[in-house]
Amino acid sequence: MLEQAQKAAPESQDASDSAKPNRLTQLWSILTLTPLSTVIWLTMIGLAALPIIAFKLSFWWLPLFAYGILALHEALAFTLFHRGLFPSSERVARVYQWFTLFLGDHADLQGRGDLTEGLFEGDFAKSIEQATIDKYEAIIELLGLKPGMRVLDVGCGLGDFLSHLRSRGIDGVGLTLSPDQQRIGAARGLTIRVHDFRGKLPADLTGKFDAVTLIGSLEHFCTSYEMGDRSRANRVFSNVFQTASAALKPDTPSGKVFSATLHSTAPDGWTLSDWIHAYSFHAHYSGLYPRVGDFERLCEPWFAVEHKRDTTIDYQYSSVVSSAHFGNFSVRWNAWKFFAAALLLLVNPFAPWSWVYHTRQSWMWQFGGKDLQTQKARPAQALWYVHRRNAPSR
């Protein structure tokens, strides 16, 4: 299986190269990807300019005033309204554009991984590529997938799992919020659509699949503003299972949903540094980790948990074994990347926090650092679930 994947890699890379946009297209994408978020941010900048003009202050004060308005928005969103003005779907699209801009367009299991974890099972001599393929094989076995079956991959990333399914004779359709990911996946010959799974499932996707997979995507379905009041988040997660049930064929022998999701363990005794890490996650990714135990409750009445597995160490080690992995990579700077980073400041108010997240290695912080035997509290736990569809009541 690994040999098949290695043979397919050059073809995948050629496809990515053929789909790589020119600089003008990339520039246009940066400016237009998140229209509502950009308008809100430019409005905040405009409001910040009013007192500067009124009191004839230096425009060097403009960033301070603008980010002050943003800070007020954040304080109210977290404490009073439990939601923000910036659409979460646009923020998710923006973060995956960030990865494409600064990590690259290539779908590369050997280096970057598939934007989630590999499955090492204690064998840390494995490469990230082999561990990722082993994960795919484990998912196929857990779901009972056979050639000719169909899978709906929600939050499909660059299409690596869809590509592996295709190599096994299994058809797949991917959903993403990222136009960049759709473009890269389409260049690989994959069927990927830009669609928000929180909305109504299109008719041509209803009742058409043997299984649904949500590999590292459920973390993005809600926002951290809802930490103080999780009632809406619970409704969103519950609706995900209802929509997944609607996507399944009535007579499929599988009828299962696989989810791989980071969960919040909410340890006590956080320092200021911990809170900065946590906020950088919110600002960079826009998401909310469910709490351990939520999915057992929220998958009812459509599903029951058939299988549960802790893969925290596997996720942590995925970012240790490869210096190019998305969770722990170094930016290879050039003039274009400097320009793109500066331009993002104009259209994305959370852009500075992406660099706080990156430079402070916040990704590894959530696992307690890079040491697999860490003595630090782990703010996050990675869990696999297989949800088996309940038999319809008579």
Protein backbone atom coordinates (compact mmCIF):
# COMPACT_ATOMS: atom_id res chain seq x y z
CA MET A 1 0.00 0.00 0.00
CA LEU A 2 2.83 2.39 0.82
CA GLU A 3 4.47 1.59 -2.52
CA GLN A 4 1.21 2.48 -4.31
CA ALA A 5 1.06 5.81 -2.50
CA GLN A 6 4.70 6.57 -3.31
CA LYS A 7 4.11 5.85 -6.99
CA ALA A 8 1.11 8.17 -6.98
CA ALA A 9 2.99 11.01 -5.26
CA PRO A 10 4.73 12.48 -8.35
CA GLU A 11 1.43 12.47 -10.24
CA SER A 12 -0.22 14.29 -7.32
CA GLN A 13 2.60 16.83 -7.24
CA ASP A 14 2.30 17.44 -10.98
CA ALA A 15 -1.42 18.02 -10.52
CA SER A 16 -0.75 20.53 -7.76
CA ASP A 17 1.78 22.31 -9.96
CA SER A 18 -0.70 22.56 -12.83
CA ALA A 19 -3.30 24.10 -10.50
CA LYS A 20 -0.98 26.56 -8.82
CA PRO A 21 -2.35 30.06 -9.39
CA ASN A 22 -0.22 32.90 -10.67
CA ARG A 23 0.66 35.81 -8.42
CA LEU A 24 -2.17 37.99 -9.76
CA THR A 25 -4.71 35.28 -8.98
CA GLN A 26 -3.24 34.80 -5.51
CA LEU A 27 -3.35 38.55 -4.91
CA TRP A 28 -6.99 38.70 -5.95
CA SER A 29 -7.80 35.75 -3.69
CA ILE A 30 -6.20 37.44 -0.68
CA LEU A 31 -8.25 40.58 -1.29
CA THR A 32 -11.60 38.92 -2.00
CA LEU A 33 -11.69 35.63 -0.08
CA THR A 34 -13.58 36.98 2.94
CA PRO A 35 -15.67 39.95 1.78
CA LEU A 36 -17.86 40.39 4.86
CA SER A 37 -14.97 40.02 7.32
CA THR A 38 -12.89 42.48 5.32
CA VAL A 39 -15.71 45.05 5.24
CA ILE A 40 -16.16 44.74 9.02
CA TRP A 41 -12.42 45.19 9.61
CA LEU A 42 -12.18 48.16 7.24
CA THR A 43 -15.16 49.69 9.04
CA MET A 44 -13.30 49.32 12.34
CA ILE A 45 -10.27 50.99 10.78
CA GLY A 46 -12.52 53.79 9.54
CA LEU A 47 -14.02 54.29 12.99
CA ALA A 48 -10.52 54.36 14.45
CA ALA A 49 -9.61 57.17 12.05
CA LEU A 50 -12.43 59.44 13.27
CA PRO A 51 -10.89 60.49 16.62
CA ILE A 52 -7.50 60.82 14.93
CA ILE A 53 -8.95 63.28 12.44
CA ALA A 54 -11.07 65.04 15.07
CA PHE A 55 -8.18 65.59 17.46
CA LYS A 56 -5.54 66.00 14.74
CA LEU A 57 -3.47 63.10 16.01
CA SER A 58 -0.73 61.35 14.08
CA PHE A 59 -1.97 58.47 11.92
CA TRP A 60 0.65 56.32 13.62
CA TRP A 61 -2.09 55.91 16.24
CA LEU A 62 -4.41 54.26 13.71
CA PRO A 63 -3.35 50.62 14.31
CA LEU A 64 -3.62 51.08 18.08
CA PHE A 65 -7.12 52.53 17.85
CA ALA A 66 -8.27 49.94 15.28
CA TYR A 67 -7.05 47.00 17.34
CA GLY A 68 -8.58 48.67 20.40
CA ILE A 69 -11.98 48.52 18.68
CA LEU A 70 -11.31 44.88 17.79
CA ALA A 71 -10.41 44.19 21.43
CA LEU A 72 -13.74 45.71 22.52
CA HIS A 73 -15.52 43.48 19.99
CA GLU A 74 -13.72 40.44 21.36
CA ALA A 75 -14.51 41.29 24.98
CA LEU A 76 -18.22 41.70 24.21
CA ALA A 77 -18.29 38.60 22.00
CA PHE A 78 -16.76 36.40 24.70
CA THR A 79 -18.60 37.74 27.74
CA LEU A 80 -21.98 39.08 26.60
CA PHE A 81 -23.07 37.87 23.16
CA HIS A 82 -21.15 34.57 22.86
CA ARG A 83 -20.74 35.16 19.14
CA GLY A 84 -18.80 37.60 16.99
CA LEU A 85 -19.42 39.68 13.89
CA PHE A 86 -16.91 37.87 11.70
CA PRO A 87 -18.44 34.82 9.89
CA SER A 88 -16.76 31.64 11.06
CA SER A 89 -16.91 30.11 7.56
CA GLU A 90 -14.86 33.02 6.19
CA ARG A 91 -12.35 32.73 9.01
CA VAL A 92 -11.88 29.01 8.36
CA ALA A 93 -11.37 29.69 4.66
CA ARG A 94 -8.81 32.35 5.56
CA VAL A 95 -6.73 30.11 7.82
CA TYR A 96 -6.42 27.41 5.17
CA GLN A 97 -5.43 30.07 2.68
CA TRP A 98 -2.73 31.02 5.22
CA PHE A 99 -1.39 27.47 5.15
CA THR A 100 -1.41 27.45 1.35
CA LEU A 101 0.41 30.79 1.16
CA PHE A 102 3.13 29.99 3.68
CA LEU A 103 3.40 26.20 3.59
CA GLY A 104 2.74 25.57 -0.10
CA ASP A 105 0.25 24.10 -2.54
CA HIS A 106 1.57 20.55 -2.62
CA ALA A 107 -0.41 17.69 -1.14
CA ASP A 108 2.57 16.03 0.52
CA LEU A 109 2.03 13.22 3.01
CA GLN A 110 5.75 12.70 3.39
CA GLY A 111 6.28 16.24 4.64
CA ARG A 112 3.23 18.20 5.67
CA GLY A 113 0.92 15.29 6.42
CA ASP A 114 -2.78 15.55 5.59
CA LEU A 115 -3.52 18.41 8.03
CA THR A 116 -4.41 15.93 10.76
CA GLU A 117 -2.58 13.11 12.52
CA GLY A 118 -0.97 9.85 11.53
CA LEU A 119 -1.53 6.56 13.34
CA PHE A 120 1.72 5.41 14.94
CA GLU A 121 0.35 2.95 17.53
CA GLY A 122 3.55 3.24 19.53
CA ASP A 123 5.82 2.58 16.54
CA PHE A 124 7.71 5.86 16.36
CA ALA A 125 10.05 4.55 13.68
CA LYS A 126 7.26 5.14 11.17
CA SER A 127 7.36 8.04 8.75
CA ILE A 128 4.46 10.49 8.79
CA GLU A 129 3.53 9.17 5.35
CA GLN A 130 3.26 5.55 6.51
CA ALA A 131 1.44 6.58 9.68
CA THR A 132 -1.11 8.56 7.64
CA ILE A 133 -1.72 5.64 5.29
CA ASP A 134 -2.11 3.35 8.30
CA LYS A 135 -4.71 5.78 9.63
CA TYR A 136 -6.63 5.60 6.36
CA GLU A 137 -6.56 1.82 6.40
CA ALA A 138 -7.80 1.79 9.99
CA ILE A 139 -10.70 4.09 9.10
CA ILE A 140 -11.65 1.92 6.13
CA GLU A 141 -11.67 -1.15 8.38
CA LEU A 142 -13.62 0.55 11.16
CA LEU A 143 -16.30 1.70 8.70
CA GLY A 144 -16.45 -1.64 6.88
CA LEU A 145 -15.85 0.02 3.52
CA LYS A 146 -15.64 -2.11 0.39
CA PRO A 147 -14.89 -1.32 -3.29
CA GLY A 148 -17.88 0.32 -4.94
CA MET A 149 -19.05 2.08 -1.78
CA ARG A 150 -19.33 5.86 -1.48
CA VAL A 151 -17.98 8.14 1.27
CA LEU A 152 -18.81 11.77 2.07
CA ASP A 153 -15.63 13.32 3.49
CA VAL A 154 -16.61 16.48 5.38
CA GLY A 155 -13.68 18.85 5.79
CA CYS A 156 -11.67 16.94 3.20
CA GLY A 157 -8.60 19.17 3.26
CA LEU A 158 -6.38 18.68 0.21
CA GLY A 159 -8.13 15.43 -0.65
CA ASP A 160 -5.54 12.95 0.64
CA PHE A 161 -8.11 10.56 2.15
CA LEU A 162 -10.28 10.81 -0.97
CA SER A 163 -7.25 9.94 -3.07
CA HIS A 164 -6.52 6.91 -0.89
CA LEU A 165 -10.14 5.79 -1.10
CA ARG A 166 -9.94 6.01 -4.89
CA SER A 167 -6.87 3.75 -4.85
CA ARG A 168 -9.01 1.20 -2.97
CA GLY A 169 -11.90 1.39 -5.46
CA ILE A 170 -14.08 3.45 -3.12
CA ASP A 171 -15.79 6.56 -4.45
CA GLY A 172 -15.66 9.75 -2.44
CA VAL A 173 -17.05 13.28 -2.44
CA GLY A 174 -15.30 15.93 -0.36
CA LEU A 175 -16.72 19.08 1.23
CA THR A 176 -14.61 22.06 2.27
CA LEU A 177 -14.97 25.72 3.15
CA SER A 178 -11.68 26.54 1.42
CA PRO A 179 -11.61 27.45 -2.28
CA ASP A 180 -7.84 26.80 -2.22
CA GLN A 181 -8.40 23.24 -1.04
CA GLN A 182 -11.11 22.70 -3.64
CA ARG A 183 -8.78 23.93 -6.38
CA ILE A 184 -5.92 21.68 -5.28
CA GLY A 185 -8.18 18.65 -4.90
CA ALA A 186 -9.86 19.19 -8.27
CA ALA A 187 -6.41 19.25 -9.92
CA ARG A 188 -5.90 15.77 -8.48
CA GLY A 189 -9.05 14.59 -10.24
CA LEU A 190 -11.09 14.48 -7.04
CA THR A 191 -14.70 15.50 -6.53
CA ILE A 192 -14.60 18.30 -3.99
CA ARG A 193 -17.23 20.98 -3.39
CA VAL A 194 -17.19 24.19 -1.38
CA HIS A 195 -20.12 23.70 0.97
CA ASP A 196 -20.86 24.44 4.63
CA PHE A 197 -22.03 21.20 6.26
CA ARG A 198 -23.83 23.23 8.92
CA GLY A 199 -26.35 24.25 6.28
CA LYS A 200 -28.94 22.21 4.42
CA LEU A 201 -27.57 19.16 2.66
CA PRO A 202 -28.06 19.43 -1.12
CA ALA A 203 -30.53 16.96 -2.62
CA ASP A 204 -27.85 15.22 -4.69
CA LEU A 205 -25.92 14.42 -1.49
CA THR A 206 -28.91 13.18 0.53
CA GLY A 207 -29.17 9.43 1.01
CA LYS A 208 -26.27 8.73 -1.36
CA PHE A 209 -23.42 7.52 0.87
CA ASP A 210 -22.37 4.43 2.77
CA ALA A 211 -20.36 6.36 5.35
CA VAL A 212 -19.50 9.91 6.41
CA THR A 213 -16.09 10.97 7.68
CA LEU A 214 -15.20 14.10 9.65
CA ILE A 215 -11.44 13.94 10.03
CA GLY A 216 -10.23 16.96 11.97
CA SER A 217 -13.07 19.19 10.79
CA LEU A 218 -15.52 19.37 13.70
CA GLU A 219 -13.17 21.68 15.62
CA HIS A 220 -14.12 24.43 13.13
CA PHE A 221 -17.90 24.14 13.32
CA CYS A 222 -18.32 26.49 16.29
CA THR A 223 -16.32 29.38 17.73
CA SER A 224 -14.50 29.98 21.00
CA TYR A 225 -16.92 32.80 21.79
CA GLU A 226 -19.34 30.05 22.83
CA MET A 227 -17.12 28.73 25.63
CA GLY A 228 -19.20 30.54 28.23
CA ASP A 229 -22.49 29.30 26.80
CA ARG A 230 -22.28 26.07 24.85
CA SER A 231 -25.99 25.75 24.11
CA ARG A 232 -25.59 26.88 20.50
CA ALA A 233 -22.48 24.75 20.04
CA ASN A 234 -24.38 21.73 21.29
CA ARG A 235 -27.12 22.40 18.76
CA VAL A 236 -24.56 22.71 15.96
CA PHE A 237 -22.81 19.45 16.85
CA SER A 238 -26.15 17.68 17.25
CA ASN A 239 -27.25 18.97 13.84
CA VAL A 240 -24.02 17.62 12.31
CA PHE A 241 -25.03 14.10 13.31
CA GLN A 242 -28.55 14.62 11.99
CA THR A 243 -27.18 15.85 8.65
CA ALA A 244 -24.70 12.96 8.52
CA SER A 245 -27.57 10.55 9.06
CA ALA A 246 -29.46 12.18 6.18
CA ALA A 247 -26.43 11.68 3.90
CA LEU A 248 -26.39 7.91 4.46
CA LYS A 249 -28.14 5.42 2.20
CA PRO A 250 -31.13 3.81 3.90
CA ASP A 251 -29.93 0.27 3.09
CA THR A 252 -26.15 0.56 3.36
CA PRO A 253 -24.36 -2.24 5.24
CA SER A 254 -22.03 0.38 6.77
CA GLY A 255 -24.22 3.26 7.94
CA LYS A 256 -21.46 4.70 10.09
CA VAL A 257 -19.85 8.07 10.77
CA PHE A 258 -16.18 8.43 11.65
CA SER A 259 -14.99 11.52 13.51
CA ALA A 260 -11.45 12.41 14.59
CA THR A 261 -11.62 15.51 16.76
CA LEU A 262 -9.52 17.41 19.26
CA HIS A 263 -11.39 17.82 22.55
CA SER A 264 -10.91 20.32 25.35
CA THR A 265 -9.72 18.93 28.67
CA ALA A 266 -9.80 22.40 30.36
CA PRO A 267 -6.99 21.91 32.90
CA ASP A 268 -6.84 24.26 35.88
CA GLY A 269 -4.06 26.66 36.82
CA TRP A 270 -3.50 28.39 33.49
CA THR A 271 -0.88 31.12 33.36
CA LEU A 272 -0.99 34.28 31.24
CA SER A 273 1.19 32.47 28.70
CA ASP A 274 -1.39 29.66 28.48
CA TRP A 275 -4.20 32.13 27.86
CA ILE A 276 -2.18 33.81 25.08
CA HIS A 277 -1.71 30.39 23.47
CA ALA A 278 -5.43 29.71 23.78
CA TYR A 279 -6.40 33.05 22.27
CA SER A 280 -3.98 32.58 19.38
CA PHE A 281 -5.82 29.33 18.58
CA HIS A 282 -9.11 31.19 18.56
CA ALA A 283 -7.73 33.99 16.39
CA HIS A 284 -5.82 31.77 13.97
CA TYR A 285 -8.23 28.87 13.47
CA SER A 286 -11.63 30.14 14.61
CA GLY A 287 -13.01 27.08 16.31
CA LEU A 288 -14.20 25.44 19.48
CA TYR A 289 -13.09 22.08 20.78
CA PRO A 290 -15.97 19.99 22.11
CA ARG A 291 -15.61 18.71 25.65
CA VAL A 292 -14.74 15.10 26.36
CA GLY A 293 -18.04 13.20 26.54
CA ASP A 294 -20.06 15.60 24.38
CA PHE A 295 -20.25 13.34 21.33
CA GLU A 296 -21.63 10.34 23.25
CA ARG A 297 -24.59 12.50 24.20
CA LEU A 298 -25.01 14.69 21.12
CA CYS A 299 -24.97 11.90 18.52
CA GLU A 300 -28.29 10.64 19.90
CA PRO A 301 -30.94 9.87 18.68
CA TRP A 302 -29.36 9.22 15.28
CA PHE A 303 -26.25 7.28 16.29
CA ALA A 304 -24.66 5.33 19.10
CA VAL A 305 -20.91 5.22 19.77
CA GLU A 306 -19.50 1.92 18.54
CA HIS A 307 -15.79 2.66 18.90
CA LYS A 308 -13.69 5.24 20.76
CA ARG A 309 -9.92 5.67 20.73
CA ASP A 310 -7.46 8.15 22.22
CA THR A 311 -4.95 9.28 19.57
CA THR A 312 -3.45 12.24 21.45
CA ILE A 313 0.10 10.87 21.34
CA ASP A 314 -0.25 10.08 17.64
CA TYR A 315 -1.31 13.64 16.91
CA GLN A 316 1.47 15.08 19.04
CA TYR A 317 4.13 12.90 17.42
CA SER A 318 2.91 13.75 13.91
CA SER A 319 4.27 17.26 14.45
CA VAL A 320 7.50 15.93 15.96
CA VAL A 321 8.49 13.35 13.36
CA SER A 322 8.43 15.82 10.44
CA SER A 323 9.77 19.38 10.46
CA ALA A 324 7.49 20.10 7.50
CA HIS A 325 4.29 18.94 9.22
CA PHE A 326 1.57 21.59 9.22
CA GLY A 327 1.59 21.79 13.02
CA ASN A 328 5.30 22.51 13.35
CA PHE A 329 6.83 23.93 10.18
CA SER A 330 9.24 26.73 9.33
CA VAL A 331 8.32 29.39 6.78
CA ARG A 332 10.74 29.69 3.88
CA TRP A 333 10.48 33.42 3.35
CA ASN A 334 10.71 35.21 0.02
CA ALA A 335 9.58 38.64 -1.24
CA TRP A 336 6.12 37.39 -2.20
CA LYS A 337 5.46 35.88 1.24
CA PHE A 338 6.51 39.10 2.96
CA PHE A 339 4.12 41.02 0.71
CA ALA A 340 1.29 38.54 1.32
CA ALA A 341 1.81 38.75 5.09
CA ALA A 342 1.61 42.56 4.95
CA LEU A 343 -1.48 42.49 2.73
CA LEU A 344 -3.28 40.12 5.09
CA LEU A 345 -3.08 42.81 7.79
CA LEU A 346 -5.42 44.97 5.70
CA VAL A 347 -8.09 42.31 5.15
CA ASN A 348 -7.86 40.09 8.24
CA PRO A 349 -7.88 41.63 11.73
CA PHE A 350 -6.63 38.37 13.24
CA ALA A 351 -3.60 38.12 10.95
CA PRO A 352 -1.04 39.16 13.63
CA TRP A 353 -2.24 36.34 15.86
CA SER A 354 -1.44 33.77 13.20
CA TRP A 355 2.19 34.70 13.67
CA VAL A 356 1.87 34.61 17.46
CA TYR A 357 0.42 31.10 17.09
CA HIS A 358 3.20 30.10 14.69
CA THR A 359 6.24 31.60 16.41
CA ARG A 360 5.22 30.52 19.92
CA GLN A 361 4.50 26.96 18.70
CA SER A 362 1.02 27.04 20.14
CA TRP A 363 0.13 23.87 18.26
CA MET A 364 2.55 21.86 20.36
CA TRP A 365 1.48 23.68 23.55
CA GLN A 366 -1.93 22.02 23.41
CA PHE A 367 -0.19 18.63 23.67
CA GLY A 368 2.06 19.73 26.52
CA GLY A 369 5.05 20.41 24.26
CA LYS A 370 7.16 18.10 22.10
CA ASP A 371 8.04 15.60 24.83
CA LEU A 372 5.79 12.55 24.58
CA GLN A 373 6.30 11.96 28.31
CA THR A 374 5.43 15.55 29.14
CA GLN A 375 4.84 16.60 32.72
CA LYS A 376 2.74 19.56 31.56
CA ALA A 377 -1.03 19.47 31.50
CA ARG A 378 -2.43 18.68 28.05
CA PRO A 379 -5.16 21.22 27.20
CA ALA A 380 -6.33 19.01 24.32
CA GLN A 381 -7.14 15.35 23.79
CA ALA A 382 -7.52 13.76 20.35
CA LEU A 383 -10.32 11.21 20.10
CA TRP A 384 -11.55 8.93 17.34
CA TYR A 385 -15.19 7.93 17.29
CA VAL A 386 -17.17 5.54 15.14
CA HIS A 387 -20.85 6.35 15.38
CA ARG A 388 -23.20 3.54 14.32
CA ARG A 389 -26.59 4.57 12.97
CA ASN A 390 -29.46 3.57 15.21
CA ALA A 391 -32.12 1.31 13.83
CA PRO A 392 -35.25 3.29 12.91
CA SER A 393 -38.04 3.05 15.45
CA ARG A 394 -41.13 1.15 14.39
